[in-house]
Amino acid sequence: MNLSPPARPAARPWENRARMEYRTLRHIVRSARQGYADFVRQGLESALRIPVLLVADLSRRDRHECNICGWSGRTFYPNTGPGYHEMEVACPGCSSQDRHRSLLALMLAETDLFTGGRRVVEVAPMRGFERLMRMQDGIDYVSFDLERHAMERGDITDMHYETDSVDYFVCFHVLEHIPDADTALKEILRILKPGGQAIVQVPVDWDLRTTREYAAPDPRDVGHVRQYGKDFTVKLSDAGFDVRGISVSERFEEAVIDRFGLSPEPIFFLTKPH
């Protein structure tokens, strides 16, 4: 089963291990200054685990593989920050997380995005995923963000792209940061071609009946402005999309999910009606 596109960026494990360690140490220092002892403990756990995993990788007993960059090794690496502490999700080859690998797997399995001739816009890209998309022949790809790394600067609530001009819009773990998410969804709907799709994921608390709005961005939750509940799909439908959610567990065997370290969290394919 092919979980990778025709072209992939080269894995850079030494560079990315160093970047992971630096980010983790910076998180520890910031958390200590803010008085978040639990974050400090989590950061120390991850900072100590990274060099241990490096040594384990040198044994070349490959159990896992990244479908974005092709790295293979004993296990995926920790991903720790303000409000998250996951021990086996990050790829040292490209820094992708389990959700990015699931995104790519489902894009290949569920869309015609990689067949060429498609206009693809992504907001707040992950560096490794952006490199992958820019390498694909026949895909007109652009990324944007307000502040972080991206090809362009732009605001998701006021995009400069023409109406009915985009085949696919990728929006991963972004809407929970946007105070005016309703306007962002309207803008996504505007720029998509009829029949075009937005590929969206947010952190959802499936035990929460309705979305909880925060009075201010939560510094202990990556600056999120809300916690989405199981009414998330209703919000997407109300914005005008035809909504289909799918998990990799519905599409791939468990051995494949484990091998590539895929996240089972659902990804939503939002189609603009004709």
C-alpha atoms as a PDB file:
ATOM      1  CA  MET A   1       0.000   0.000   0.000  1.00  0.00           C
ATOM      2  CA  ASN A   2       1.450   3.336  -1.072  1.00  0.00           C
ATOM      3  CA  LEU A   3       1.345   5.950   1.694  1.00  0.00           C
ATOM      4  CA  SER A   4       3.855   8.323   0.064  1.00  0.00           C
ATOM      5  CA  PRO A   5       3.608  10.666  -2.962  1.00  0.00           C
ATOM      6  CA  PRO A   6       5.940  10.499  -5.991  1.00  0.00           C
ATOM      7  CA  ALA A   7       8.544  12.871  -4.499  1.00  0.00           C
ATOM      8  CA  ARG A   8       9.670  13.201  -0.882  1.00  0.00           C
ATOM      9  CA  PRO A   9      12.075  15.547   0.928  1.00  0.00           C
ATOM     10  CA  ALA A  10      15.273  14.024   2.253  1.00  0.00           C
ATOM     11  CA  ALA A  11      15.238  13.021   5.907  1.00  0.00           C
ATOM     12  CA  ARG A  12      17.438  15.231   8.109  1.00  0.00           C
ATOM     13  CA  PRO A  13      17.562  13.309  11.401  1.00  0.00           C
ATOM     14  CA  TRP A  14      20.667  14.918  12.900  1.00  0.00           C
ATOM     15  CA  GLU A  15      19.430  18.441  12.210  1.00  0.00           C
ATOM     16  CA  ASN A  16      15.935  17.722  13.471  1.00  0.00           C
ATOM     17  CA  ARG A  17      17.054  15.882  16.603  1.00  0.00           C
ATOM     18  CA  ALA A  18      19.079  18.969  17.521  1.00  0.00           C
ATOM     19  CA  ARG A  19      16.051  21.184  16.785  1.00  0.00           C
ATOM     20  CA  MET A  20      13.819  18.949  18.930  1.00  0.00           C
ATOM     21  CA  GLU A  21      16.253  19.099  21.823  1.00  0.00           C
ATOM     22  CA  TYR A  22      16.569  22.884  21.547  1.00  0.00           C
ATOM     23  CA  ARG A  23      12.792  23.403  21.472  1.00  0.00           C
ATOM     24  CA  THR A  24      12.352  21.105  24.460  1.00  0.00           C
ATOM     25  CA  LEU A  25      15.017  22.884  26.491  1.00  0.00           C
ATOM     26  CA  ARG A  26      13.487  26.248  25.617  1.00  0.00           C
ATOM     27  CA  HIS A  27      10.108  24.941  26.754  1.00  0.00           C
ATOM     28  CA  ILE A  28      11.645  23.837  30.068  1.00  0.00           C
ATOM     29  CA  VAL A  29      13.160  27.285  30.683  1.00  0.00           C
ATOM     30  CA  ARG A  30       9.945  29.129  29.805  1.00  0.00           C
ATOM     31  CA  SER A  31       7.861  26.800  31.953  1.00  0.00           C
ATOM     32  CA  ALA A  32      10.204  27.259  34.906  1.00  0.00           C
ATOM     33  CA  ARG A  33       9.900  31.045  34.592  1.00  0.00           C
ATOM     34  CA  GLN A  34       6.106  30.762  34.489  1.00  0.00           C
ATOM     35  CA  GLY A  35       6.011  28.420  37.464  1.00  0.00           C
ATOM     36  CA  TYR A  36       4.590  25.437  35.574  1.00  0.00           C
ATOM     37  CA  ALA A  37       6.306  22.597  37.421  1.00  0.00           C
ATOM     38  CA  ASP A  38       4.370  19.896  35.557  1.00  0.00           C
ATOM     39  CA  PHE A  39       5.560  21.236  32.206  1.00  0.00           C
ATOM     40  CA  VAL A  40       9.139  21.300  33.494  1.00  0.00           C
ATOM     41  CA  ARG A  41       8.914  17.626  34.497  1.00  0.00           C
ATOM     42  CA  GLN A  42       7.473  16.671  31.131  1.00  0.00           C
ATOM     43  CA  GLY A  43      10.139  18.648  29.303  1.00  0.00           C
ATOM     44  CA  LEU A  44      12.937  17.003  31.257  1.00  0.00           C
ATOM     45  CA  GLU A  45      11.505  13.577  30.458  1.00  0.00           C
ATOM     46  CA  SER A  46      11.525  14.345  26.743  1.00  0.00           C
ATOM     47  CA  ALA A  47      14.932  16.065  26.770  1.00  0.00           C
ATOM     48  CA  LEU A  48      16.503  12.988  28.363  1.00  0.00           C
ATOM     49  CA  ARG A  49      14.694  10.605  26.033  1.00  0.00           C
ATOM     50  CA  ILE A  50      15.906  12.155  22.764  1.00  0.00           C
ATOM     51  CA  PRO A  51      19.606  11.136  23.107  1.00  0.00           C
ATOM     52  CA  VAL A  52      18.537   7.679  24.282  1.00  0.00           C
ATOM     53  CA  LEU A  53      16.468   7.247  21.129  1.00  0.00           C
ATOM     54  CA  LEU A  54      19.373   8.485  19.004  1.00  0.00           C
ATOM     55  CA  VAL A  55      21.544   5.639  20.339  1.00  0.00           C
ATOM     56  CA  ALA A  56      18.719   3.160  19.739  1.00  0.00           C
ATOM     57  CA  ASP A  57      18.389   4.349  16.141  1.00  0.00           C
ATOM     58  CA  LEU A  58      22.051   3.577  15.516  1.00  0.00           C
ATOM     59  CA  SER A  59      21.252  -0.127  15.973  1.00  0.00           C
ATOM     60  CA  ARG A  60      19.249   0.119  12.701  1.00  0.00           C
ATOM     61  CA  ARG A  61      16.514  -2.195  13.955  1.00  0.00           C
ATOM     62  CA  ASP A  62      13.803  -0.388  12.068  1.00  0.00           C
ATOM     63  CA  ARG A  63      10.270  -0.766  13.381  1.00  0.00           C
ATOM     64  CA  HIS A  64       8.765   2.499  12.213  1.00  0.00           C
ATOM     65  CA  GLU A  65       8.837   4.585   9.053  1.00  0.00           C
ATOM     66  CA  CYS A  66       7.813   8.109   8.066  1.00  0.00           C
ATOM     67  CA  ASN A  67       5.710   8.349   4.911  1.00  0.00           C
ATOM     68  CA  ILE A  68       6.663  12.017   4.506  1.00  0.00           C
ATOM     69  CA  CYS A  69      10.475  11.851   4.423  1.00  0.00           C
ATOM     70  CA  GLY A  70      11.273   8.113   4.433  1.00  0.00           C
ATOM     71  CA  TRP A  71      13.110   8.056   7.782  1.00  0.00           C
ATOM     72  CA  SER A  72      13.033   4.699   9.537  1.00  0.00           C
ATOM     73  CA  GLY A  73      14.086   3.775  13.056  1.00  0.00           C
ATOM     74  CA  ARG A  74      13.251   2.114  16.337  1.00  0.00           C
ATOM     75  CA  THR A  75      10.466   4.465  17.383  1.00  0.00           C
ATOM     76  CA  PHE A  76       9.149   7.973  16.896  1.00  0.00           C
ATOM     77  CA  TYR A  77      10.329  10.773  19.173  1.00  0.00           C
ATOM     78  CA  PRO A  78       8.629  12.832  21.903  1.00  0.00           C
ATOM     79  CA  ASN A  79       6.677  16.006  21.214  1.00  0.00           C
ATOM     80  CA  THR A  80       6.375  18.173  24.306  1.00  0.00           C
ATOM     81  CA  GLY A  81       5.181  21.725  24.810  1.00  0.00           C
ATOM     82  CA  PRO A  82       2.631  23.899  26.653  1.00  0.00           C
ATOM     83  CA  GLY A  83      -0.338  21.580  26.992  1.00  0.00           C
ATOM     84  CA  TYR A  84       0.901  18.515  25.134  1.00  0.00           C
ATOM     85  CA  HIS A  85       3.254  15.684  26.057  1.00  0.00           C
ATOM     86  CA  GLU A  86       3.344  12.825  23.555  1.00  0.00           C
ATOM     87  CA  MET A  87       6.179  10.342  23.767  1.00  0.00           C
ATOM     88  CA  GLU A  88       6.182   8.574  20.375  1.00  0.00           C
ATOM     89  CA  VAL A  89       4.787  10.866  17.670  1.00  0.00           C
ATOM     90  CA  ALA A  90       7.548  13.057  16.134  1.00  0.00           C
ATOM     91  CA  CYS A  91       9.692  11.979  13.177  1.00  0.00           C
ATOM     92  CA  PRO A  92      13.369  12.939  13.614  1.00  0.00           C
ATOM     93  CA  GLY A  93      13.762  12.986   9.838  1.00  0.00           C
ATOM     94  CA  CYS A  94      11.342  15.848   9.123  1.00  0.00           C
ATOM     95  CA  SER A  95       9.735  16.776  12.496  1.00  0.00           C
ATOM     96  CA  SER A  96       6.327  15.611  11.274  1.00  0.00           C
ATOM     97  CA  GLN A  97       3.868  14.453  13.900  1.00  0.00           C
ATOM     98  CA  ASP A  98       1.429  11.563  13.744  1.00  0.00           C
ATOM     99  CA  ARG A  99      -1.351  13.834  12.502  1.00  0.00           C
ATOM    100  CA  HIS A 100       0.747  15.017   9.535  1.00  0.00           C
ATOM    101  CA  ARG A 101       1.508  11.439   8.494  1.00  0.00           C
ATOM    102  CA  SER A 102      -2.212  10.624   8.758  1.00  0.00           C
ATOM    103  CA  LEU A 103      -3.008  13.715   6.706  1.00  0.00           C
ATOM    104  CA  LEU A 104      -0.722  12.576   3.888  1.00  0.00           C
ATOM    105  CA  ALA A 105      -1.982   8.987   4.005  1.00  0.00           C
ATOM    106  CA  LEU A 106      -5.622  10.070   3.706  1.00  0.00           C
ATOM    107  CA  MET A 107      -4.877  12.699   1.069  1.00  0.00           C
ATOM    108  CA  LEU A 108      -3.399   9.923  -1.055  1.00  0.00           C
ATOM    109  CA  ALA A 109      -6.181   7.457  -0.314  1.00  0.00           C
ATOM    110  CA  GLU A 110      -9.212   9.756  -0.429  1.00  0.00           C
ATOM    111  CA  THR A 111      -8.461  12.559  -2.916  1.00  0.00           C
ATOM    112  CA  ASP A 112      -7.090  13.224  -6.400  1.00  0.00           C
ATOM    113  CA  LEU A 113      -4.820  15.959  -5.067  1.00  0.00           C
ATOM    114  CA  PHE A 114      -1.622  14.324  -6.326  1.00  0.00           C
ATOM    115  CA  THR A 115      -2.857  13.639  -9.860  1.00  0.00           C
ATOM    116  CA  GLY A 116      -1.625  17.065 -10.990  1.00  0.00           C
ATOM    117  CA  GLY A 117      -3.237  20.277 -12.090  1.00  0.00           C
ATOM    118  CA  ARG A 118      -4.529  21.104  -8.614  1.00  0.00           C
ATOM    119  CA  ARG A 119      -4.357  24.434  -6.801  1.00  0.00           C
ATOM    120  CA  VAL A 120      -3.531  23.770  -3.114  1.00  0.00           C
ATOM    121  CA  VAL A 121      -3.374  26.372  -0.336  1.00  0.00           C
ATOM    122  CA  GLU A 122      -2.215  25.524   3.188  1.00  0.00           C
ATOM    123  CA  VAL A 123      -2.373  27.696   6.292  1.00  0.00           C
ATOM    124  CA  ALA A 124       0.269  27.382   9.047  1.00  0.00           C
ATOM    125  CA  PRO A 125       2.337  24.658   7.360  1.00  0.00           C
ATOM    126  CA  MET A 126       4.660  22.217   9.059  1.00  0.00           C
ATOM    127  CA  ARG A 127       8.087  22.710   7.455  1.00  0.00           C
ATOM    128  CA  GLY A 128       8.608  19.120   6.361  1.00  0.00           C
ATOM    129  CA  PHE A 129       5.108  18.834   4.926  1.00  0.00           C
ATOM    130  CA  GLU A 130       5.529  22.113   3.083  1.00  0.00           C
ATOM    131  CA  ARG A 131       8.800  20.858   1.544  1.00  0.00           C
ATOM    132  CA  LEU A 132       7.010  17.705   0.423  1.00  0.00           C
ATOM    133  CA  MET A 133       4.174  19.615  -1.212  1.00  0.00           C
ATOM    134  CA  ARG A 134       6.513  22.000  -3.025  1.00  0.00           C
ATOM    135  CA  MET A 135       8.321  19.018  -4.590  1.00  0.00           C
ATOM    136  CA  GLN A 136       5.241  17.586  -6.316  1.00  0.00           C
ATOM    137  CA  ASP A 137       5.135  18.069 -10.086  1.00  0.00           C
ATOM    138  CA  GLY A 138       1.955  19.595 -11.423  1.00  0.00           C
ATOM    139  CA  ILE A 139       0.673  20.914  -8.090  1.00  0.00           C
ATOM    140  CA  ASP A 140       0.277  24.668  -7.686  1.00  0.00           C
ATOM    141  CA  TYR A 141       0.982  24.884  -3.949  1.00  0.00           C
ATOM    142  CA  VAL A 142       1.287  27.911  -1.670  1.00  0.00           C
ATOM    143  CA  SER A 143       1.369  28.256   2.112  1.00  0.00           C
ATOM    144  CA  PHE A 144       0.637  31.267   4.295  1.00  0.00           C
ATOM    145  CA  ASP A 145       0.580  32.351   7.926  1.00  0.00           C
ATOM    146  CA  LEU A 146       0.370  35.532   9.941  1.00  0.00           C
ATOM    147  CA  GLU A 147       3.628  35.082  11.850  1.00  0.00           C
ATOM    148  CA  ARG A 148       5.215  31.643  11.525  1.00  0.00           C
ATOM    149  CA  HIS A 149       7.240  30.162   8.687  1.00  0.00           C
ATOM    150  CA  ALA A 150       5.325  30.093   5.388  1.00  0.00           C
ATOM    151  CA  MET A 151       5.713  31.096   1.754  1.00  0.00           C
ATOM    152  CA  GLU A 152       3.411  34.112   2.173  1.00  0.00           C
ATOM    153  CA  ARG A 153       2.017  36.286   4.941  1.00  0.00           C
ATOM    154  CA  GLY A 154      -1.744  36.250   5.205  1.00  0.00           C
ATOM    155  CA  ASP A 155      -4.813  36.225   7.442  1.00  0.00           C
ATOM    156  CA  ILE A 156      -7.211  33.279   7.202  1.00  0.00           C
ATOM    157  CA  THR A 157     -10.127  35.601   7.994  1.00  0.00           C
ATOM    158  CA  ASP A 158      -9.272  37.888   5.046  1.00  0.00           C
ATOM    159  CA  MET A 159      -7.491  35.896   2.334  1.00  0.00           C
ATOM    160  CA  HIS A 160      -6.367  37.500  -0.899  1.00  0.00           C
ATOM    161  CA  TYR A 161      -7.086  34.442  -3.077  1.00  0.00           C
ATOM    162  CA  GLU A 162      -9.794  34.810  -5.678  1.00  0.00           C
ATOM    163  CA  THR A 163     -13.272  33.391  -5.177  1.00  0.00           C
ATOM    164  CA  ASP A 164     -13.729  29.844  -6.574  1.00  0.00           C
ATOM    165  CA  SER A 165     -10.004  29.484  -7.284  1.00  0.00           C
ATOM    166  CA  VAL A 166      -8.672  26.719  -4.974  1.00  0.00           C
ATOM    167  CA  ASP A 167      -9.063  22.947  -5.341  1.00  0.00           C
ATOM    168  CA  TYR A 168      -7.812  21.989  -1.861  1.00  0.00           C
ATOM    169  CA  PHE A 169      -7.339  24.029   1.307  1.00  0.00           C
ATOM    170  CA  VAL A 170      -5.347  22.404   4.134  1.00  0.00           C
ATOM    171  CA  CYS A 171      -6.087  23.719   7.631  1.00  0.00           C
ATOM    172  CA  PHE A 172      -4.587  21.586  10.382  1.00  0.00           C
ATOM    173  CA  HIS A 173      -4.823  22.607  14.056  1.00  0.00           C
ATOM    174  CA  VAL A 174      -5.488  26.239  13.192  1.00  0.00           C
ATOM    175  CA  LEU A 175      -9.157  27.062  13.869  1.00  0.00           C
ATOM    176  CA  GLU A 176      -8.748  26.570  17.628  1.00  0.00           C
ATOM    177  CA  HIS A 177      -6.335  29.555  17.548  1.00  0.00           C
ATOM    178  CA  ILE A 178      -8.644  31.877  15.572  1.00  0.00           C
ATOM    179  CA  PRO A 179     -10.991  34.114  17.614  1.00  0.00           C
ATOM    180  CA  ASP A 180     -13.313  34.606  14.629  1.00  0.00           C
ATOM    181  CA  ALA A 181     -13.388  31.028  13.344  1.00  0.00           C
ATOM    182  CA  ASP A 182     -16.799  31.563  11.695  1.00  0.00           C
ATOM    183  CA  THR A 183     -15.305  34.193   9.393  1.00  0.00           C
ATOM    184  CA  ALA A 184     -12.352  31.911   8.657  1.00  0.00           C
ATOM    185  CA  LEU A 185     -14.729  29.139   7.559  1.00  0.00           C
ATOM    186  CA  LYS A 186     -16.643  31.580   5.348  1.00  0.00           C
ATOM    187  CA  GLU A 187     -13.373  32.632   3.714  1.00  0.00           C
ATOM    188  CA  ILE A 188     -12.362  29.019   3.107  1.00  0.00           C
ATOM    189  CA  LEU A 189     -15.744  28.343   1.506  1.00  0.00           C
ATOM    190  CA  ARG A 190     -15.390  31.463  -0.662  1.00  0.00           C
ATOM    191  CA  ILE A 191     -12.014  30.627  -2.176  1.00  0.00           C
ATOM    192  CA  LEU A 192     -12.752  26.933  -2.840  1.00  0.00           C
ATOM    193  CA  LYS A 193     -13.989  25.953  -6.255  1.00  0.00           C
ATOM    194  CA  PRO A 194     -17.421  24.313  -6.332  1.00  0.00           C
ATOM    195  CA  GLY A 195     -16.640  20.683  -5.494  1.00  0.00           C
ATOM    196  CA  GLY A 196     -13.328  21.711  -3.943  1.00  0.00           C
ATOM    197  CA  GLN A 197     -12.366  20.449  -0.514  1.00  0.00           C
ATOM    198  CA  ALA A 198     -10.952  21.808   2.712  1.00  0.00           C
ATOM    199  CA  ILE A 199      -9.022  19.210   4.714  1.00  0.00           C
ATOM    200  CA  VAL A 200      -9.380  20.183   8.361  1.00  0.00           C
ATOM    201  CA  GLN A 201      -8.477  18.907  11.797  1.00  0.00           C
ATOM    202  CA  VAL A 202      -8.741  20.469  15.258  1.00  0.00           C
ATOM    203  CA  PRO A 203      -8.281  18.997  18.739  1.00  0.00           C
ATOM    204  CA  VAL A 204     -11.756  17.775  19.748  1.00  0.00           C
ATOM    205  CA  ASP A 205     -12.866  16.680  23.201  1.00  0.00           C
ATOM    206  CA  TRP A 206     -15.432  14.066  22.225  1.00  0.00           C
ATOM    207  CA  ASP A 207     -16.775  13.992  25.798  1.00  0.00           C
ATOM    208  CA  LEU A 208     -17.657  17.692  25.553  1.00  0.00           C
ATOM    209  CA  ARG A 209     -21.172  18.225  24.173  1.00  0.00           C
ATOM    210  CA  THR A 210     -20.685  21.818  23.032  1.00  0.00           C
ATOM    211  CA  THR A 211     -17.597  23.859  22.221  1.00  0.00           C
ATOM    212  CA  ARG A 212     -16.172  25.864  25.119  1.00  0.00           C
ATOM    213  CA  GLU A 213     -14.979  29.397  24.300  1.00  0.00           C
ATOM    214  CA  TYR A 214     -12.171  30.822  26.461  1.00  0.00           C
ATOM    215  CA  ALA A 215     -12.183  34.386  27.724  1.00  0.00           C
ATOM    216  CA  ALA A 216      -8.557  34.724  26.601  1.00  0.00           C
ATOM    217  CA  PRO A 217      -5.958  32.517  24.876  1.00  0.00           C
ATOM    218  CA  ASP A 218      -4.917  29.748  27.282  1.00  0.00           C
ATOM    219  CA  PRO A 219      -1.119  29.807  27.827  1.00  0.00           C
ATOM    220  CA  ARG A 220      -1.291  26.264  29.197  1.00  0.00           C
ATOM    221  CA  ASP A 221      -3.004  25.016  26.046  1.00  0.00           C
ATOM    222  CA  VAL A 222      -0.794  26.332  23.223  1.00  0.00           C
ATOM    223  CA  GLY A 223      -2.690  29.621  23.208  1.00  0.00           C
ATOM    224  CA  HIS A 224      -5.967  28.039  22.106  1.00  0.00           C
ATOM    225  CA  VAL A 225      -9.010  30.305  22.263  1.00  0.00           C
ATOM    226  CA  ARG A 226     -11.518  27.445  22.495  1.00  0.00           C
ATOM    227  CA  GLN A 227     -11.931  23.750  23.155  1.00  0.00           C
ATOM    228  CA  TYR A 228     -13.995  22.169  20.423  1.00  0.00           C
ATOM    229  CA  GLY A 229     -16.612  19.634  21.446  1.00  0.00           C
ATOM    230  CA  LYS A 230     -18.583  17.085  19.472  1.00  0.00           C
ATOM    231  CA  ASP A 231     -20.660  19.898  17.957  1.00  0.00           C
ATOM    232  CA  PHE A 232     -17.661  20.662  15.714  1.00  0.00           C
ATOM    233  CA  THR A 233     -19.197  18.872  12.739  1.00  0.00           C
ATOM    234  CA  VAL A 234     -22.405  20.890  13.179  1.00  0.00           C
ATOM    235  CA  LYS A 235     -20.369  24.108  13.034  1.00  0.00           C
ATOM    236  CA  LEU A 236     -18.791  22.927   9.778  1.00  0.00           C
ATOM    237  CA  SER A 237     -22.159  22.051   8.254  1.00  0.00           C
ATOM    238  CA  ASP A 238     -23.637  25.361   9.367  1.00  0.00           C
ATOM    239  CA  ALA A 239     -20.786  27.124   7.544  1.00  0.00           C
ATOM    240  CA  GLY A 240     -22.062  25.644   4.271  1.00  0.00           C
ATOM    241  CA  PHE A 241     -19.893  22.557   3.767  1.00  0.00           C
ATOM    242  CA  ASP A 242     -20.779  18.967   3.061  1.00  0.00           C
ATOM    243  CA  VAL A 243     -18.861  17.241   5.869  1.00  0.00           C
ATOM    244  CA  ARG A 244     -17.219  13.825   5.926  1.00  0.00           C
ATOM    245  CA  GLY A 245     -14.960  12.739   8.767  1.00  0.00           C
ATOM    246  CA  ILE A 246     -12.665   9.754   8.391  1.00  0.00           C
ATOM    247  CA  SER A 247      -9.999   8.112  10.555  1.00  0.00           C
ATOM    248  CA  VAL A 248      -7.022   6.125   9.315  1.00  0.00           C
ATOM    249  CA  SER A 249      -8.409   3.230  11.364  1.00  0.00           C
ATOM    250  CA  GLU A 250     -11.277   3.034   8.851  1.00  0.00           C
ATOM    251  CA  ARG A 251      -8.914   2.906   5.862  1.00  0.00           C
ATOM    252  CA  PHE A 252      -5.746   1.055   6.889  1.00  0.00           C
ATOM    253  CA  GLU A 253      -4.805  -2.111   8.723  1.00  0.00           C
ATOM    254  CA  GLU A 254      -3.502  -1.816  12.286  1.00  0.00           C
ATOM    255  CA  ALA A 255      -0.027  -2.966  11.229  1.00  0.00           C
ATOM    256  CA  VAL A 256       0.181  -0.082   8.740  1.00  0.00           C
ATOM    257  CA  ILE A 257      -1.046   2.431  11.310  1.00  0.00           C
ATOM    258  CA  ASP A 258       1.589   1.235  13.780  1.00  0.00           C
ATOM    259  CA  ARG A 259       4.417   1.092  11.212  1.00  0.00           C
ATOM    260  CA  PHE A 260       3.890   4.667  10.052  1.00  0.00           C
ATOM    261  CA  GLY A 261       2.826   6.090  13.410  1.00  0.00           C
ATOM    262  CA  LEU A 262      -0.527   7.405  12.235  1.00  0.00           C
ATOM    263  CA  SER A 263      -2.949   9.289  14.463  1.00  0.00           C
ATOM    264  CA  PRO A 264      -6.466   7.787  14.662  1.00  0.00           C
ATOM    265  CA  GLU A 265      -8.039  11.212  15.261  1.00  0.00           C
ATOM    266  CA  PRO A 266     -10.575  11.938  12.491  1.00  0.00           C
ATOM    267  CA  ILE A 267      -9.741  14.254   9.628  1.00  0.00           C
ATOM    268  CA  PHE A 268     -12.616  16.207   8.091  1.00  0.00           C
ATOM    269  CA  PHE A 269     -13.040  16.576   4.359  1.00  0.00           C
ATOM    270  CA  LEU A 270     -15.267  19.605   3.742  1.00  0.00           C
ATOM    271  CA  THR A 271     -16.690  19.863   0.240  1.00  0.00           C
ATOM    272  CA  LYS A 272     -18.044  23.095  -1.221  1.00  0.00           C
ATOM    273  CA  PRO A 273     -21.403  22.272  -2.855  1.00  0.00           C
ATOM    274  CA  HIS A 274     -21.797  22.847  -6.584  1.00  0.00           C
END
